[in-house]
Protein backbone atom coordinates (compact mmCIF):
# COMPACT_ATOMS: atom_id res chain seq x y z
CA MET A 1 -15.20 -255.40 -320.38
CA THR A 2 -15.30 -258.73 -322.19
CA PRO A 3 -15.75 -258.34 -325.92
CA GLN A 4 -18.46 -260.10 -327.83
CA TRP A 5 -16.92 -263.13 -329.48
CA ASP A 6 -19.28 -262.44 -332.38
CA ASP A 7 -17.35 -259.19 -332.98
CA VAL A 8 -13.99 -260.94 -332.70
CA SER A 9 -15.12 -263.56 -335.21
CA PHE A 10 -16.51 -260.85 -337.51
CA VAL A 11 -13.18 -259.00 -337.59
CA LEU A 12 -11.16 -262.19 -338.11
CA ALA A 13 -13.33 -263.23 -341.06
CA SER A 14 -11.63 -260.56 -343.20
CA THR A 15 -7.91 -259.83 -343.37
CA TYR A 16 -8.83 -256.29 -344.47
CA ARG A 17 -10.90 -255.73 -341.31
CA VAL A 18 -7.99 -257.10 -339.26
CA ASP A 19 -5.53 -254.77 -341.01
CA VAL A 20 -7.77 -251.70 -340.63
CA LEU A 21 -8.57 -252.34 -336.96
CA ASN A 22 -4.87 -252.98 -336.27
CA GLN A 23 -3.92 -249.63 -337.82
CA LEU A 24 -6.67 -247.74 -335.97
CA ALA A 25 -5.58 -249.32 -332.68
CA ASP A 26 -2.43 -247.19 -333.08
CA GLY A 27 -4.39 -243.96 -333.57
CA SER A 28 -6.98 -242.16 -335.67
CA THR A 29 -6.25 -241.70 -339.36
CA THR A 30 -7.69 -241.25 -342.85
CA PRO A 31 -8.67 -244.04 -345.27
CA SER A 32 -5.84 -243.13 -347.64
CA GLN A 33 -3.29 -243.33 -344.83
CA LEU A 34 -4.75 -246.70 -343.81
CA ALA A 35 -4.44 -247.97 -347.38
CA THR A 36 -0.83 -246.80 -347.61
CA GLU A 37 0.20 -248.18 -344.20
CA ALA A 38 -1.50 -251.55 -344.66
CA GLN A 39 -0.59 -251.71 -348.38
CA ILE A 40 -4.15 -252.59 -349.43
CA PRO A 41 -6.38 -250.96 -352.06
CA ILE A 42 -8.47 -248.00 -350.91
CA SER A 43 -11.64 -249.78 -352.06
CA HIS A 44 -10.96 -252.58 -349.56
CA VAL A 45 -10.20 -250.05 -346.82
CA SER A 46 -13.47 -248.23 -347.51
CA ARG A 47 -15.49 -251.45 -347.37
CA ALA A 48 -13.74 -252.59 -344.17
CA LEU A 49 -14.38 -249.21 -342.53
CA ARG A 50 -18.06 -249.34 -343.48
CA GLU A 51 -18.43 -252.87 -342.10
CA LEU A 52 -16.55 -252.04 -338.91
CA ARG A 53 -18.71 -248.92 -338.42
CA GLU A 54 -21.86 -251.00 -338.82
CA HIS A 55 -20.62 -253.13 -335.90
CA SER A 56 -19.69 -250.03 -333.83
CA LEU A 57 -16.00 -250.98 -333.82
CA VAL A 58 -14.82 -247.79 -335.53
CA GLU A 59 -16.32 -244.33 -335.81
CA LEU A 60 -16.15 -241.37 -338.14
CA LEU A 61 -14.64 -238.45 -336.23
CA VAL A 62 -15.66 -235.68 -338.64
CA PRO A 63 -19.12 -234.63 -339.92
CA GLU A 64 -20.85 -237.28 -342.03
CA ASP A 65 -21.17 -234.94 -345.03
CA ARG A 66 -17.42 -234.41 -345.32
CA LYS A 67 -16.17 -236.30 -348.36
CA LYS A 68 -12.46 -235.41 -348.21
CA GLY A 69 -10.22 -235.66 -345.19
CA ARG A 70 -12.43 -238.12 -343.31
CA ILE A 71 -10.80 -239.27 -340.10
CA TYR A 72 -11.69 -242.56 -338.45
CA GLY A 73 -10.97 -243.78 -334.96
CA ILE A 74 -11.45 -246.99 -333.02
CA THR A 75 -14.31 -247.15 -330.50
CA ASP A 76 -13.98 -248.51 -326.97
CA GLN A 77 -15.75 -251.64 -328.17
CA GLY A 78 -13.34 -251.91 -331.11
CA ALA A 79 -10.36 -251.49 -328.78
CA ASP A 80 -11.70 -254.29 -326.54
CA VAL A 81 -12.11 -256.56 -329.56
CA TRP A 82 -8.59 -255.76 -330.81
CA GLU A 83 -7.11 -256.38 -327.33
CA THR A 84 -8.75 -259.81 -327.30
CA ILE A 85 -7.50 -260.61 -330.80
CA GLU A 86 -3.95 -259.69 -329.76
CA ALA A 87 -4.11 -261.38 -326.34
CA GLN A 88 -5.33 -264.62 -327.91
CA ASN A 89 -2.79 -264.36 -330.78
CA LEU A 90 -5.64 -264.63 -333.27
CA ALA A 91 -4.19 -262.26 -335.87
């Protein structure tokens, strides 16, 4: 499936979104693990996750009301976008 270039552009507009999507491409994880791995503040990770969720590129894998131990994963659409970013050497 060809990704929407709008989504590719959206991800590339923020280094935090690039970092978060890159980490999630390797497997599901928690926001705190993302922050540690990418060496970016948790507040930036949280905002990037929210924005990526709004574009259906990542998803919350636990119930919405869980506040601790939230686990996020990349969606098929997000994986397609990340593949394009990597294939085109855009990040």
